């Protein structure tokens, strides 16, 4: 099951894709910029859905669906349409994904900085050797 929630997160319009497969929830956040129209969202989904990078999956317990009274279903749908923003599980998944990316970014930048320092040190050592050879 896939769900898209579009909401205004000042100053941009944001879409959050929630993908639920086998009790696993995956989230992807997309920034639209100005308010997207229905046909623009549809076009975006057709062109870019398979390129989206979803977060790592988190396990979610799903209740088995039973027969629901049609009037109750209508009320449930109306409430879902009036809701602003995204669900708490989706927010947790987004936060978790953001934190893991932050950690990965820190590790990569540290490795890069250490490589650059090592190269700089090697160049200094080479320069010292060249000076000694000259005299």
N, C-alpha and C. Protein backbone atom coordinates (compact mmCIF):
# COMPACT_ATOMS: atom_id res chain seq x y z
N UNK A 1 0.85 -1.17 0.00
CA UNK A 1 0.00 0.00 0.00
C UNK A 1 0.90 1.24 0.00
N UNK A 2 0.57 2.20 -0.81
CA UNK A 2 1.34 3.44 -0.89
C UNK A 2 0.40 4.60 -0.64
N UNK A 3 0.89 5.55 0.16
CA UNK A 3 0.09 6.72 0.51
C UNK A 3 0.94 7.97 0.29
N UNK A 4 0.34 9.00 -0.29
CA UNK A 4 1.03 10.27 -0.49
C UNK A 4 0.28 11.34 0.27
N UNK A 5 1.00 12.07 1.10
CA UNK A 5 0.42 13.19 1.84
C UNK A 5 1.16 14.45 1.41
N UNK A 6 0.39 15.44 0.95
CA UNK A 6 0.97 16.71 0.53
C UNK A 6 0.53 17.77 1.52
N UNK A 7 1.49 18.54 2.06
CA UNK A 7 1.16 19.57 3.04
C UNK A 7 2.13 20.73 2.90
N UNK A 8 1.75 21.85 3.51
CA UNK A 8 2.56 23.07 3.44
C UNK A 8 3.47 23.11 4.65
N UNK A 9 4.78 23.06 4.41
CA UNK A 9 5.79 23.14 5.46
C UNK A 9 6.58 24.41 5.14
N UNK A 10 6.18 25.52 5.76
CA UNK A 10 6.65 26.85 5.42
C UNK A 10 8.14 26.87 5.08
N UNK A 11 8.60 27.32 3.96
CA UNK A 11 7.94 28.05 2.88
C UNK A 11 7.59 27.19 1.67
N UNK A 12 7.70 25.86 1.76
CA UNK A 12 7.49 25.01 0.59
C UNK A 12 6.35 24.02 0.81
N UNK A 13 5.86 23.48 -0.29
CA UNK A 13 4.91 22.37 -0.25
C UNK A 13 5.72 21.08 -0.30
N UNK A 14 5.37 20.16 0.58
CA UNK A 14 6.13 18.92 0.73
C UNK A 14 5.21 17.73 0.54
N UNK A 15 5.71 16.70 -0.10
CA UNK A 15 4.97 15.45 -0.24
C UNK A 15 5.71 14.35 0.48
N UNK A 16 4.98 13.53 1.22
CA UNK A 16 5.59 12.41 1.93
C UNK A 16 4.95 11.12 1.42
N UNK A 17 5.77 10.27 0.81
CA UNK A 17 5.32 8.97 0.34
C UNK A 17 5.52 7.97 1.47
N UNK A 18 4.49 7.21 1.78
CA UNK A 18 4.59 6.14 2.78
C UNK A 18 4.32 4.83 2.05
N UNK A 19 5.27 3.90 2.12
CA UNK A 19 5.11 2.61 1.47
C UNK A 19 5.07 1.54 2.56
N UNK A 20 3.98 0.78 2.61
CA UNK A 20 3.79 -0.25 3.63
C UNK A 20 3.75 -1.60 2.94
N UNK A 21 4.76 -2.42 3.20
CA UNK A 21 4.83 -3.76 2.63
C UNK A 21 5.21 -4.74 3.72
N UNK A 22 4.39 -5.77 3.91
CA UNK A 22 4.69 -6.84 4.85
C UNK A 22 5.10 -6.29 6.22
N UNK A 23 4.30 -5.45 6.80
CA UNK A 23 4.54 -4.87 8.13
C UNK A 23 5.82 -4.03 8.21
N UNK A 24 6.29 -3.53 7.09
CA UNK A 24 7.47 -2.65 7.06
C UNK A 24 7.05 -1.31 6.45
N UNK A 25 7.40 -0.22 7.12
CA UNK A 25 7.06 1.12 6.65
C UNK A 25 8.31 1.81 6.15
N UNK A 26 8.23 2.35 4.93
CA UNK A 26 9.34 3.10 4.34
C UNK A 26 8.80 4.47 3.94
N UNK A 27 9.62 5.52 4.14
CA UNK A 27 9.19 6.89 3.92
C UNK A 27 10.11 7.57 2.92
N UNK A 28 9.54 8.46 2.11
CA UNK A 28 10.32 9.30 1.21
C UNK A 28 9.71 10.70 1.22
N UNK A 29 10.55 11.71 1.40
CA UNK A 29 10.08 13.10 1.47
C UNK A 29 10.50 13.81 0.20
N UNK A 30 9.54 14.51 -0.43
CA UNK A 30 9.79 15.23 -1.67
C UNK A 30 9.34 16.67 -1.50
N UNK A 31 10.20 17.62 -1.87
CA UNK A 31 9.85 19.04 -1.78
C UNK A 31 9.37 19.49 -3.16
N UNK A 32 8.14 20.02 -3.22
CA UNK A 32 7.56 20.46 -4.49
C UNK A 32 7.84 21.92 -4.78
N UNK A 33 8.02 22.75 -3.78
CA UNK A 33 8.18 24.19 -4.02
C UNK A 33 6.83 24.85 -3.89
N UNK A 34 6.30 25.34 -5.01
CA UNK A 34 4.98 25.96 -4.96
C UNK A 34 3.91 24.88 -4.94
N UNK A 35 2.69 25.27 -4.59
CA UNK A 35 1.61 24.30 -4.43
C UNK A 35 1.38 23.52 -5.72
N UNK A 36 1.52 22.19 -5.66
CA UNK A 36 1.33 21.39 -6.87
C UNK A 36 -0.15 21.14 -7.14
N UNK A 37 -0.50 21.11 -8.41
CA UNK A 37 -1.87 20.78 -8.80
C UNK A 37 -1.96 19.27 -8.92
N UNK A 38 -3.18 18.75 -8.96
CA UNK A 38 -3.39 17.31 -9.02
C UNK A 38 -2.69 16.68 -10.22
N UNK A 39 -2.80 17.34 -11.38
CA UNK A 39 -2.18 16.75 -12.57
C UNK A 39 -0.65 16.79 -12.47
N UNK A 40 -0.09 17.81 -11.79
CA UNK A 40 1.36 17.86 -11.60
C UNK A 40 1.83 16.74 -10.69
N UNK A 41 1.06 16.46 -9.65
CA UNK A 41 1.40 15.36 -8.74
C UNK A 41 1.35 14.04 -9.49
N UNK A 42 0.29 13.86 -10.28
CA UNK A 42 0.14 12.63 -11.06
C UNK A 42 1.33 12.46 -12.02
N UNK A 43 1.71 13.54 -12.71
CA UNK A 43 2.86 13.50 -13.62
C UNK A 43 4.14 13.15 -12.88
N UNK A 44 4.33 13.77 -11.70
CA UNK A 44 5.52 13.51 -10.89
C UNK A 44 5.59 12.03 -10.52
N UNK A 45 4.45 11.48 -10.12
CA UNK A 45 4.43 10.07 -9.72
C UNK A 45 4.78 9.19 -10.92
N UNK A 46 4.20 9.48 -12.06
CA UNK A 46 4.48 8.66 -13.25
C UNK A 46 5.95 8.71 -13.65
N UNK A 47 6.55 9.90 -13.59
CA UNK A 47 7.93 10.07 -14.06
C UNK A 47 8.97 9.66 -13.02
N UNK A 48 8.72 9.95 -11.74
CA UNK A 48 9.79 9.86 -10.75
C UNK A 48 9.60 8.82 -9.65
N UNK A 49 8.49 8.10 -9.64
CA UNK A 49 8.24 7.21 -8.50
C UNK A 49 9.34 6.17 -8.33
N UNK A 50 9.81 5.59 -9.41
CA UNK A 50 10.82 4.52 -9.29
C UNK A 50 12.21 5.07 -9.00
N UNK A 51 12.38 6.39 -9.09
CA UNK A 51 13.67 7.02 -8.76
C UNK A 51 13.73 7.45 -7.31
N UNK A 52 12.59 7.43 -6.61
CA UNK A 52 12.56 7.90 -5.22
C UNK A 52 13.41 7.01 -4.33
N UNK A 53 14.09 7.64 -3.37
CA UNK A 53 14.91 6.90 -2.43
C UNK A 53 14.17 6.84 -1.09
N UNK A 54 13.63 5.67 -0.79
CA UNK A 54 12.89 5.50 0.45
C UNK A 54 13.84 5.24 1.60
N UNK A 55 13.41 5.56 2.80
CA UNK A 55 14.23 5.37 3.99
C UNK A 55 14.35 3.89 4.30
N UNK A 56 15.20 3.57 5.25
CA UNK A 56 15.29 2.19 5.73
C UNK A 56 13.95 1.83 6.34
N UNK A 57 13.55 0.58 6.18
CA UNK A 57 12.23 0.19 6.65
C UNK A 57 12.22 0.00 8.17
N UNK A 58 11.10 0.39 8.77
CA UNK A 58 10.89 0.14 10.20
C UNK A 58 9.67 -0.74 10.33
N UNK A 59 9.68 -1.62 11.30
CA UNK A 59 8.57 -2.56 11.44
C UNK A 59 7.37 -1.88 12.09
N UNK A 60 6.20 -2.24 11.59
CA UNK A 60 4.95 -1.66 12.07
C UNK A 60 3.96 -2.79 12.22
N UNK A 61 3.21 -2.80 13.31
CA UNK A 61 2.18 -3.81 13.46
C UNK A 61 0.89 -3.31 12.80
N UNK A 62 0.35 -4.14 11.90
CA UNK A 62 -0.83 -3.78 11.12
C UNK A 62 -2.00 -4.62 11.59
N UNK A 63 -3.13 -3.96 11.80
CA UNK A 63 -4.34 -4.66 12.23
C UNK A 63 -5.03 -5.25 11.01
N UNK A 64 -5.57 -6.44 11.17
CA UNK A 64 -6.29 -7.07 10.08
C UNK A 64 -7.59 -6.30 9.83
N UNK A 65 -7.89 -6.05 8.56
CA UNK A 65 -9.07 -5.28 8.24
C UNK A 65 -10.31 -6.17 8.30
N UNK A 66 -11.33 -5.64 8.92
CA UNK A 66 -12.61 -6.34 8.98
C UNK A 66 -13.62 -5.56 8.16
N UNK A 67 -14.79 -6.13 7.98
CA UNK A 67 -15.85 -5.43 7.24
C UNK A 67 -16.19 -4.16 7.99
N UNK A 68 -16.22 -3.04 7.27
CA UNK A 68 -16.50 -1.75 7.88
C UNK A 68 -17.80 -1.21 7.29
N UNK A 69 -18.61 -0.68 8.16
CA UNK A 69 -19.85 -0.06 7.74
C UNK A 69 -19.54 1.07 6.75
N UNK A 70 -20.27 1.17 5.63
CA UNK A 70 -19.98 2.20 4.63
C UNK A 70 -20.01 3.63 5.19
N UNK A 71 -20.94 3.92 6.08
CA UNK A 71 -21.00 5.27 6.66
C UNK A 71 -19.77 5.53 7.52
N UNK A 72 -19.35 4.53 8.27
CA UNK A 72 -18.15 4.68 9.09
C UNK A 72 -16.93 4.90 8.21
N UNK A 73 -16.89 4.17 7.08
CA UNK A 73 -15.78 4.32 6.14
C UNK A 73 -15.75 5.74 5.58
N UNK A 74 -16.92 6.29 5.25
CA UNK A 74 -16.99 7.66 4.74
C UNK A 74 -16.47 8.65 5.78
N UNK A 75 -16.88 8.48 7.04
CA UNK A 75 -16.40 9.36 8.11
C UNK A 75 -14.89 9.25 8.25
N UNK A 76 -14.38 8.03 8.17
CA UNK A 76 -12.94 7.81 8.29
C UNK A 76 -12.19 8.50 7.15
N UNK A 77 -12.72 8.41 5.94
CA UNK A 77 -12.10 9.05 4.78
C UNK A 77 -12.14 10.56 4.93
N UNK A 78 -13.29 11.10 5.37
CA UNK A 78 -13.42 12.55 5.56
C UNK A 78 -12.41 13.04 6.58
N UNK A 79 -12.26 12.31 7.69
CA UNK A 79 -11.30 12.69 8.73
C UNK A 79 -9.87 12.66 8.18
N UNK A 80 -9.56 11.64 7.38
CA UNK A 80 -8.21 11.52 6.81
C UNK A 80 -7.91 12.68 5.86
N UNK A 81 -8.93 13.12 5.11
CA UNK A 81 -8.72 14.24 4.19
C UNK A 81 -8.55 15.55 4.92
N UNK A 82 -9.16 15.69 6.10
CA UNK A 82 -9.06 16.93 6.85
C UNK A 82 -7.79 17.01 7.68
N UNK A 83 -7.13 15.87 7.89
CA UNK A 83 -5.90 15.87 8.69
C UNK A 83 -4.83 16.71 8.03
N UNK A 84 -4.10 17.43 8.83
CA UNK A 84 -2.97 18.21 8.34
C UNK A 84 -1.70 17.45 8.66
N UNK A 85 -0.77 17.42 7.73
CA UNK A 85 0.53 16.81 8.01
C UNK A 85 0.53 15.31 7.85
N UNK A 86 1.52 14.69 8.47
CA UNK A 86 1.72 13.25 8.31
C UNK A 86 1.60 12.56 9.66
N UNK A 87 1.47 11.25 9.63
CA UNK A 87 1.31 10.47 10.84
C UNK A 87 2.58 10.40 11.67
N UNK A 88 2.42 10.01 12.92
CA UNK A 88 3.58 9.97 13.81
C UNK A 88 4.58 8.90 13.40
N UNK A 89 4.11 7.77 12.88
CA UNK A 89 5.04 6.73 12.45
C UNK A 89 5.87 7.22 11.28
N UNK A 90 5.24 7.96 10.39
CA UNK A 90 5.97 8.51 9.25
C UNK A 90 7.00 9.54 9.74
N UNK A 91 6.61 10.35 10.72
CA UNK A 91 7.56 11.33 11.26
C UNK A 91 8.74 10.64 11.91
N UNK A 92 8.48 9.57 12.64
CA UNK A 92 9.56 8.82 13.28
C UNK A 92 10.49 8.23 12.23
N UNK A 93 9.91 7.69 11.15
CA UNK A 93 10.74 7.10 10.10
C UNK A 93 11.59 8.18 9.42
N UNK A 94 11.00 9.36 9.17
CA UNK A 94 11.76 10.45 8.56
C UNK A 94 12.90 10.88 9.46
N UNK A 95 12.64 11.00 10.75
CA UNK A 95 13.67 11.41 11.70
C UNK A 95 14.80 10.38 11.75
N UNK A 96 14.42 9.10 11.79
CA UNK A 96 15.41 8.02 11.83
C UNK A 96 16.27 8.04 10.56
N UNK A 97 15.63 8.22 9.41
CA UNK A 97 16.36 8.27 8.15
C UNK A 97 17.30 9.47 8.12
N UNK A 98 16.82 10.61 8.60
CA UNK A 98 17.64 11.83 8.64
C UNK A 98 18.87 11.61 9.53
N UNK A 99 18.67 10.98 10.67
CA UNK A 99 19.78 10.74 11.60
C UNK A 99 20.81 9.77 11.00
N UNK A 100 20.34 8.71 10.32
CA UNK A 100 21.29 7.77 9.72
C UNK A 100 22.09 8.44 8.62
N UNK A 101 21.43 9.29 7.80
CA UNK A 101 22.16 10.01 6.76
C UNK A 101 23.16 10.97 7.37
N UNK A 102 22.80 11.60 8.48
CA UNK A 102 23.69 12.54 9.16
C UNK A 102 24.95 11.81 9.64
N UNK A 103 24.77 10.63 10.22
CA UNK A 103 25.90 9.84 10.71
C UNK A 103 26.80 9.43 9.55
N UNK A 104 26.17 8.96 8.44
CA UNK A 104 26.95 8.57 7.27
C UNK A 104 27.75 9.75 6.72
N UNK A 105 27.11 10.92 6.67
CA UNK A 105 27.78 12.12 6.16
C UNK A 105 28.96 12.49 7.05
N UNK A 106 28.79 12.38 8.38
CA UNK A 106 29.90 12.70 9.30
C UNK A 106 31.07 11.75 9.07
N UNK A 107 30.78 10.46 8.93
CA UNK A 107 31.84 9.47 8.73
C UNK A 107 32.59 9.75 7.44
N UNK A 108 31.85 10.02 6.36
CA UNK A 108 32.49 10.29 5.07
C UNK A 108 33.34 11.56 5.12
N UNK A 109 32.83 12.61 5.76
CA UNK A 109 33.60 13.85 5.81
C UNK A 109 34.85 13.68 6.67
N UNK A 110 34.76 12.87 7.72
CA UNK A 110 35.93 12.62 8.56
C UNK A 110 37.00 11.86 7.78
N UNK A 111 36.57 10.85 7.02
CA UNK A 111 37.51 10.09 6.21
C UNK A 111 38.18 10.99 5.17
N UNK A 112 37.38 11.84 4.53
CA UNK A 112 37.92 12.75 3.53
C UNK A 112 38.94 13.70 4.14
N UNK A 113 38.62 14.26 5.30
CA UNK A 113 39.52 15.19 5.98
C UNK A 113 40.82 14.49 6.35
N UNK A 114 40.73 13.26 6.85
CA UNK A 114 41.93 12.51 7.22
C UNK A 114 42.79 12.21 6.00
N UNK A 115 42.15 11.87 4.87
CA UNK A 115 42.91 11.62 3.63
C UNK A 115 43.65 12.88 3.20
N UNK A 116 42.95 14.01 3.26
CA UNK A 116 43.58 15.27 2.85
C UNK A 116 44.75 15.63 3.76
N UNK A 117 44.59 15.40 5.06
CA UNK A 117 45.68 15.67 6.00
C UNK A 117 46.87 14.76 5.73
N UNK A 118 46.59 13.50 5.41
CA UNK A 118 47.66 12.54 5.11
C UNK A 118 48.42 12.97 3.85
N UNK A 119 47.69 13.41 2.84
CA UNK A 119 48.32 13.87 1.59
C UNK A 119 49.18 15.10 1.88
N UNK A 120 48.64 16.02 2.67
CA UNK A 120 49.38 17.23 3.03
C UNK A 120 50.67 16.86 3.77
N UNK A 121 50.58 15.91 4.70
CA UNK A 121 51.76 15.47 5.46
C UNK A 121 52.79 14.85 4.53
N UNK A 122 52.33 13.99 3.59
CA UNK A 122 53.25 13.35 2.65
C UNK A 122 53.98 14.40 1.80
N UNK A 123 53.24 15.45 1.37
CA UNK A 123 53.86 16.51 0.58
C UNK A 123 54.93 17.24 1.38
N UNK A 124 54.65 17.51 2.67
CA UNK A 124 55.65 18.17 3.53
C UNK A 124 56.90 17.31 3.66
N UNK A 125 56.70 16.00 3.86
CA UNK A 125 57.83 15.09 4.00
C UNK A 125 58.66 15.07 2.71
N UNK A 126 57.99 15.06 1.58
CA UNK A 126 58.68 15.05 0.29
C UNK A 126 59.47 16.34 0.12
N UNK A 127 58.88 17.46 0.53
CA UNK A 127 59.55 18.76 0.41
C UNK A 127 60.80 18.78 1.29
N UNK A 128 60.71 18.21 2.50
CA UNK A 128 61.88 18.14 3.39
C UNK A 128 63.00 17.34 2.74
N UNK A 129 62.63 16.20 2.14
CA UNK A 129 63.64 15.36 1.48
C UNK A 129 64.32 16.10 0.34
N UNK A 130 63.52 16.83 -0.42
CA UNK A 130 64.08 17.59 -1.55
C UNK A 130 65.05 18.66 -1.07
N UNK A 131 64.75 19.33 0.04
CA UNK A 131 65.63 20.35 0.60
C UNK A 131 66.95 19.72 1.04
N UNK A 132 66.88 18.55 1.69
CA UNK A 132 68.11 17.88 2.16
C UNK A 132 68.97 17.45 0.99
N UNK A 133 68.34 16.97 -0.08
CA UNK A 133 69.10 16.52 -1.24
C UNK A 133 69.82 17.69 -1.92
N UNK A 134 69.18 18.84 -1.89
CA UNK A 134 69.75 20.02 -2.56
C UNK A 134 71.03 20.48 -1.90
N UNK A 135 71.17 20.34 -0.62
CA UNK A 135 72.35 20.85 0.09
C UNK A 135 73.37 19.82 0.29
